[in-house]
Protein backbone atom coordinates (compact mmCIF):
# COMPACT_ATOMS: atom_id res chain seq x y z
CA MET A 1 36.06 27.79 -16.14
CA ALA A 2 35.40 26.09 -19.45
CA ALA A 3 36.03 28.12 -22.60
CA PRO A 4 32.96 29.61 -24.33
CA LEU A 5 31.51 27.43 -27.06
CA ILE A 6 30.82 29.27 -30.36
CA VAL A 7 28.74 27.43 -32.91
CA ARG A 8 29.80 28.32 -36.46
CA ASN A 9 27.65 28.03 -39.54
CA PRO A 10 29.08 28.55 -43.04
CA THR A 11 25.98 30.36 -44.25
CA PHE A 12 25.62 33.05 -41.57
CA HIS A 13 27.87 34.05 -38.72
CA THR A 14 28.96 37.57 -37.83
CA LEU A 15 30.23 38.56 -34.38
CA GLN A 16 29.75 42.22 -33.55
CA GLY A 17 32.17 43.59 -30.99
CA GLN A 18 31.97 42.50 -27.36
CA ASN A 19 28.27 41.66 -27.46
CA LYS A 20 28.87 38.61 -29.62
CA HIS A 21 25.35 38.67 -31.13
CA PHE A 22 24.66 36.35 -34.03
CA THR A 23 23.11 37.91 -37.13
CA ALA A 24 21.32 34.62 -37.72
CA SER A 25 17.64 33.76 -37.45
CA SER A 26 16.07 34.11 -33.97
CA SER A 27 15.69 30.35 -33.51
CA PHE A 28 19.33 29.74 -34.38
CA LYS A 29 20.34 32.55 -32.04
CA ALA A 30 18.44 31.00 -29.14
CA LYS A 31 20.04 27.60 -29.68
CA SER A 32 23.52 29.16 -29.90
CA LEU A 33 23.11 31.13 -26.70
CA SER A 34 21.79 28.06 -24.96
CA LEU A 35 24.86 26.08 -25.99
CA ARG A 36 27.17 28.89 -24.86
CA ASN A 37 25.48 29.02 -21.46
CA PHE A 38 25.81 25.25 -21.11
CA ALA A 39 29.49 25.41 -22.03
CA LYS A 40 30.16 28.10 -19.42
CA MET A 41 28.94 25.84 -16.61
CA GLU A 42 31.70 24.49 -14.40
CA GLY A 43 32.13 20.75 -14.22
CA SER A 44 30.99 20.65 -10.62
CA GLU A 45 27.72 22.38 -11.50
CA ILE A 46 27.03 19.85 -14.25
CA THR A 47 27.81 16.97 -11.92
CA GLU A 48 25.44 18.34 -9.27
CA GLN A 49 22.61 18.72 -11.75
CA VAL A 50 23.13 15.20 -13.13
CA ALA A 51 23.20 13.76 -9.61
CA GLU A 52 20.04 15.67 -8.70
CA LYS A 53 18.27 14.37 -11.80
CA ALA A 54 19.38 10.82 -11.08
CA GLY A 55 17.99 11.12 -7.57
CA GLU A 56 14.64 12.25 -8.96
CA ASP A 57 14.54 9.34 -11.41
CA LEU A 58 15.54 6.66 -8.94
CA GLY A 59 13.51 8.12 -6.08
CA VAL A 60 13.59 7.11 -2.44
CA LYS A 61 12.51 3.57 -1.72
CA LYS A 62 8.91 3.78 -0.59
CA LYS A 63 7.51 1.86 2.33
CA ILE A 64 4.39 -0.16 2.98
CA PHE A 65 2.71 0.73 6.26
CA VAL A 66 1.20 -2.27 8.04
CA ALA A 67 -1.27 -1.59 10.85
CA GLY A 68 -1.61 -4.44 13.33
CA ALA A 69 1.88 -5.65 12.46
CA THR A 70 2.33 -7.85 15.53
CA GLY A 71 -0.94 -9.73 15.06
CA SER A 72 -1.01 -13.29 13.82
CA THR A 73 -1.78 -12.21 10.26
CA GLY A 74 -0.06 -8.83 10.38
CA LYS A 75 3.36 -10.24 11.26
CA ARG A 76 3.11 -12.66 8.34
CA ILE A 77 2.33 -9.77 6.02
CA VAL A 78 5.40 -7.94 7.32
CA GLU A 79 7.60 -10.99 6.81
CA GLN A 80 6.37 -11.59 3.26
CA LEU A 81 6.73 -7.93 2.29
CA LEU A 82 10.33 -7.95 3.51
CA ALA A 83 10.99 -11.22 1.67
CA LYS A 84 9.66 -9.59 -1.52
CA GLY A 85 12.09 -6.70 -1.16
CA PHE A 86 9.70 -4.07 0.18
CA ALA A 87 10.61 -1.61 2.89
CA VAL A 88 8.08 -1.89 5.70
CA LYS A 89 6.87 0.49 8.37
CA ALA A 90 5.25 -1.65 11.06
CA GLY A 91 2.55 0.16 13.01
CA VAL A 92 2.14 -1.37 16.48
CA ARG A 93 0.56 -0.56 19.82
CA ASP A 94 3.27 -2.22 21.91
CA LEU A 95 6.83 -1.35 20.84
CA ASP A 96 8.44 -3.83 23.24
CA LYS A 97 6.32 -6.69 21.93
CA ALA A 98 7.12 -5.67 18.36
CA ARG A 99 10.87 -5.79 18.96
CA THR A 100 10.61 -9.40 20.10
CA THR A 101 7.96 -10.46 17.56
CA LEU A 102 9.40 -8.86 14.42
CA SER A 103 12.86 -9.00 12.83
CA SER A 104 13.86 -5.61 14.19
CA ALA A 105 17.45 -6.05 12.96
CA ASN A 106 16.32 -5.92 9.34
CA PRO A 107 17.36 -2.50 7.90
CA SER A 108 14.26 -2.47 5.68
CA LEU A 109 11.95 -2.63 8.70
CA GLN A 110 10.92 0.39 10.74
CA ILE A 111 8.75 -0.06 13.83
CA VAL A 112 6.53 2.84 14.87
CA LYS A 113 3.88 3.43 17.52
CA ALA A 114 0.41 3.36 15.96
CA ASP A 115 -2.92 2.76 17.68
CA VAL A 116 -5.88 2.98 15.30
CA THR A 117 -8.19 3.98 18.16
CA GLU A 118 -6.26 7.19 18.88
CA GLY A 119 -7.45 9.18 15.87
CA SER A 120 -6.32 9.99 12.35
CA ASP A 121 -3.84 12.75 13.23
CA LYS A 122 -1.55 10.46 15.19
CA LEU A 123 -1.90 7.77 12.56
CA ALA A 124 -0.95 10.25 9.85
CA GLU A 125 2.22 11.05 11.80
CA ALA A 126 3.05 7.34 12.00
CA ILE A 127 2.37 6.75 8.31
CA GLY A 128 4.59 9.71 7.39
CA ASN A 129 5.50 10.97 3.94
CA ASP A 130 7.42 7.87 2.90
CA SER A 131 4.58 5.32 2.76
CA GLU A 132 2.99 4.55 -0.57
CA ALA A 133 0.39 2.03 0.61
CA VAL A 134 -1.31 0.93 3.82
CA VAL A 135 -2.29 -2.60 4.80
CA CYS A 136 -4.81 -2.87 7.64
CA ALA A 137 -4.53 -6.17 9.52
CA THR A 138 -5.93 -4.97 12.83
CA GLY A 139 -8.42 -6.89 14.93
CA PHE A 140 -9.96 -6.46 18.37
CA ARG A 141 -9.14 -8.74 21.26
CA PRO A 142 -12.20 -10.67 22.47
CA GLY A 143 -13.27 -9.62 25.94
CA TRP A 144 -16.06 -8.06 27.95
CA ASP A 145 -15.86 -4.70 26.19
CA LEU A 146 -18.67 -5.05 23.65
CA LEU A 147 -17.61 -1.77 22.01
CA ALA A 148 -14.13 -3.11 21.22
CA PRO A 149 -15.06 -4.34 17.71
CA TRP A 150 -16.43 -0.90 16.85
CA LYS A 151 -13.41 0.90 18.32
CA VAL A 152 -10.97 -1.20 16.30
CA ASP A 153 -12.70 -2.80 13.31
CA ASN A 154 -14.94 0.14 12.52
CA PHE A 155 -13.75 3.49 13.87
CA GLY A 156 -10.13 2.34 13.84
CA THR A 157 -10.29 1.45 10.16
CA VAL A 158 -12.02 4.75 9.37
CA ASN A 159 -9.25 6.58 11.25
CA LEU A 160 -6.68 4.79 9.12
CA VAL A 161 -8.43 5.76 5.88
CA GLU A 162 -8.59 9.39 6.99
CA ALA A 163 -4.90 9.28 7.89
CA CYS A 164 -4.19 8.07 4.36
CA ARG A 165 -6.07 11.06 2.98
CA LYS A 166 -3.98 13.41 5.07
CA ARG A 167 -0.79 11.83 3.73
CA ASN A 168 -2.05 11.47 0.14
CA VAL A 169 -1.67 7.70 0.30
CA ASN A 170 -4.00 6.22 -2.30
CA ARG A 171 -3.60 2.45 -1.87
CA PHE A 172 -5.37 0.60 0.93
CA ILE A 173 -5.57 -3.12 1.63
CA LEU A 174 -8.01 -4.32 4.29
CA ILE A 175 -8.13 -7.77 5.85
CA SER A 176 -11.79 -8.35 6.68
CA SER A 177 -13.80 -11.60 6.87
CA ILE A 178 -16.27 -13.70 4.94
CA LEU A 179 -19.88 -13.47 6.14
CA VAL A 180 -19.62 -9.76 6.99
CA ASN A 181 -22.73 -9.36 4.86
CA GLY A 182 -24.25 -12.60 6.10
CA ALA A 183 -27.67 -11.06 6.73
CA ALA A 184 -28.03 -10.12 3.06
CA MET A 185 -26.77 -13.57 2.07
CA GLY A 186 -29.46 -15.37 4.07
CA GLN A 187 -26.89 -16.63 6.59
CA LEU A 188 -28.38 -15.23 9.79
CA LEU A 189 -28.54 -18.74 11.27
CA ASN A 190 -25.07 -19.75 10.10
CA PRO A 191 -23.19 -20.79 13.30
CA ALA A 192 -20.10 -18.86 12.20
CA TYR A 193 -22.14 -15.71 11.62
CA ILE A 194 -23.77 -16.04 15.03
CA PHE A 195 -20.50 -16.77 16.84
CA LEU A 196 -18.55 -13.91 15.26
CA ASN A 197 -21.28 -11.43 16.09
CA VAL A 198 -21.55 -12.49 19.73
CA PHE A 199 -18.66 -10.16 20.61
CA GLY A 200 -20.28 -6.79 19.94
CA LEU A 201 -21.55 -7.45 16.40
CA THR A 202 -18.03 -7.81 15.01
CA LEU A 203 -19.08 -8.61 11.44
CA VAL A 204 -21.48 -5.68 11.35
CA ALA A 205 -18.67 -3.36 12.47
CA LYS A 206 -16.40 -4.72 9.75
CA LEU A 207 -19.07 -4.30 7.08
CA GLN A 208 -19.63 -0.66 8.03
CA ALA A 209 -15.88 -0.05 7.74
CA GLU A 210 -15.85 -1.71 4.32
CA ASN A 211 -18.65 0.56 3.14
CA TYR A 212 -16.74 3.61 4.33
CA ILE A 213 -13.66 2.54 2.40
CA ARG A 214 -15.64 1.96 -0.78
CA LYS A 215 -17.16 5.43 -0.62
CA SER A 216 -13.88 7.16 0.25
CA GLY A 217 -12.46 7.20 -3.27
CA ILE A 218 -9.24 5.48 -2.19
CA ASN A 219 -7.85 2.66 -4.33
CA TYR A 220 -8.81 -0.33 -2.19
CA THR A 221 -8.66 -4.10 -2.09
CA ILE A 222 -10.82 -5.68 0.60
CA ILE A 223 -9.82 -9.25 1.37
CA ARG A 224 -12.36 -11.45 3.14
CA PRO A 225 -10.73 -14.68 4.30
CA GLY A 226 -12.54 -17.70 5.67
CA GLY A 227 -11.71 -19.24 9.04
CA LEU A 228 -8.06 -18.46 9.82
CA ARG A 229 -5.57 -21.26 10.50
CA ASN A 230 -2.09 -20.82 11.95
CA ASP A 231 -0.70 -23.93 10.27
CA PRO A 232 1.03 -23.87 6.86
CA PRO A 233 -1.07 -24.00 3.68
CA THR A 234 -2.57 -27.37 2.74
CA GLY A 235 -4.32 -26.40 -0.48
CA ASN A 236 -4.54 -23.74 -3.17
CA VAL A 237 -6.27 -20.39 -2.90
CA VAL A 238 -9.87 -20.16 -4.07
CA MET A 239 -10.98 -16.58 -4.78
CA GLU A 240 -14.60 -15.58 -5.23
CA PRO A 241 -16.59 -12.33 -5.52
CA GLU A 242 -18.10 -10.68 -2.46
CA ASP A 243 -21.02 -12.30 -0.66
CA THR A 244 -20.31 -15.73 -2.14
CA LEU A 245 -18.46 -17.84 0.43
CA TYR A 246 -20.09 -18.80 3.72
CA GLU A 247 -17.76 -21.60 4.85
CA GLY A 248 -14.17 -22.75 4.51
CA THR A 249 -10.79 -22.02 6.05
CA ILE A 250 -7.42 -20.70 4.95
CA SER A 251 -3.90 -20.48 6.32
CA ARG A 252 -2.83 -17.05 7.57
CA ASP A 253 0.26 -17.46 5.38
CA GLN A 254 -1.96 -17.49 2.31
CA VAL A 255 -3.96 -14.49 3.52
CA ALA A 256 -0.70 -12.58 3.89
CA GLU A 257 0.35 -13.72 0.42
CA VAL A 258 -2.90 -12.46 -1.13
CA ALA A 259 -2.46 -9.09 0.60
CA VAL A 260 1.10 -8.71 -0.68
CA GLU A 261 0.19 -9.80 -4.20
CA ALA A 262 -2.71 -7.33 -4.26
CA LEU A 263 -0.11 -4.55 -4.16
CA ALA A 264 1.50 -5.87 -7.34
CA PHE A 265 -1.52 -6.41 -9.60
CA PRO A 266 -3.72 -3.60 -10.94
CA GLU A 267 -6.44 -6.23 -11.35
CA ALA A 268 -6.84 -6.15 -7.56
CA SER A 269 -7.84 -2.49 -7.45
CA TYR A 270 -11.30 -1.47 -6.28
CA LYS A 271 -12.35 -5.03 -5.55
CA VAL A 272 -13.73 -7.09 -2.69
CA VAL A 273 -12.48 -10.68 -2.81
CA GLU A 274 -13.33 -13.68 -0.65
CA ILE A 275 -10.73 -16.39 -0.15
CA VAL A 276 -10.45 -19.90 1.26
CA SER A 277 -8.12 -22.77 0.40
CA ARG A 278 -9.05 -26.21 -0.86
CA PRO A 279 -6.78 -29.21 -1.48
CA ASP A 280 -8.58 -30.05 -4.72
CA ALA A 281 -8.50 -26.50 -6.12
CA PRO A 282 -6.25 -25.91 -9.15
CA LYS A 283 -3.27 -23.61 -8.65
CA ARG A 284 -3.88 -20.31 -10.41
CA SER A 285 -1.75 -17.21 -10.81
CA TYR A 286 -2.75 -14.11 -8.89
CA HIS A 287 -3.12 -12.31 -12.17
CA ASP A 288 -5.86 -14.79 -13.08
CA LEU A 289 -7.39 -14.85 -9.60
CA PHE A 290 -7.76 -11.09 -9.26
CA GLY A 291 -8.67 -10.76 -12.93
CA SER A 292 -11.55 -13.19 -12.52
CA ILE A 293 -13.29 -10.92 -9.97
CA ARG A 294 -15.56 -8.24 -11.34
CA GLN A 295 -15.80 -4.81 -9.77
CA ARG A 296 -19.19 -3.85 -8.32
């Protein structure tokens, strides 16, 4: 046990018997007693408190939850997040597929079962308490089920937002599509608008999900890419406000890059952005790109 520390002052100090009360001012007395109590702490106790404080300051490395992580765009988002040094929780429907599709050996990657159509409670369990943001890169598989777009792109996205609420996650990135609001843009006869709505009004389902996100109060970035290409980028990213672009394509690699960068820049918050790539477009920083878009 460390010896008691007695603070001496040449102007006033009088110890009275075993009580050791200072006949100084009350403020000086409080400081003296505080110092004595500190000095009586054993070294191990001090070390434990310092270690605990350091743990609070450093914190546990937070994760980014990616829904639809084995999809063509989702897996690219996972890869780029890992490359940027993020820890990633990959939400997937098929665990076996995920283990062969994703770099499961990476210690910063955790693969969990997550189906957006199964409700917000199960999604909240998958997101857990260690996720600080959610990226939604889900998409229905074209088929004969005309309700599939609504199950995944609408109700599934709503389930994910509600799961975020339950886990107090306040950052949400959604991968959507240009032309979701094609009717209001006068693009009803646009071949792309017609084609994408053939499968159960896909774009309408996406737009309804977007509206839900915007009214939820969550800090969102909605990314509407043009036609998606699997090949590497061939031009620079062009970013425009919502309901502006009605044609153009973009590499999935660039879509993933925009999603990852949206997490880093406050300028991306509460915005809907539309993106394509063009060979003749100037290269701009993401700070400038997101900053050029006005909130609505």
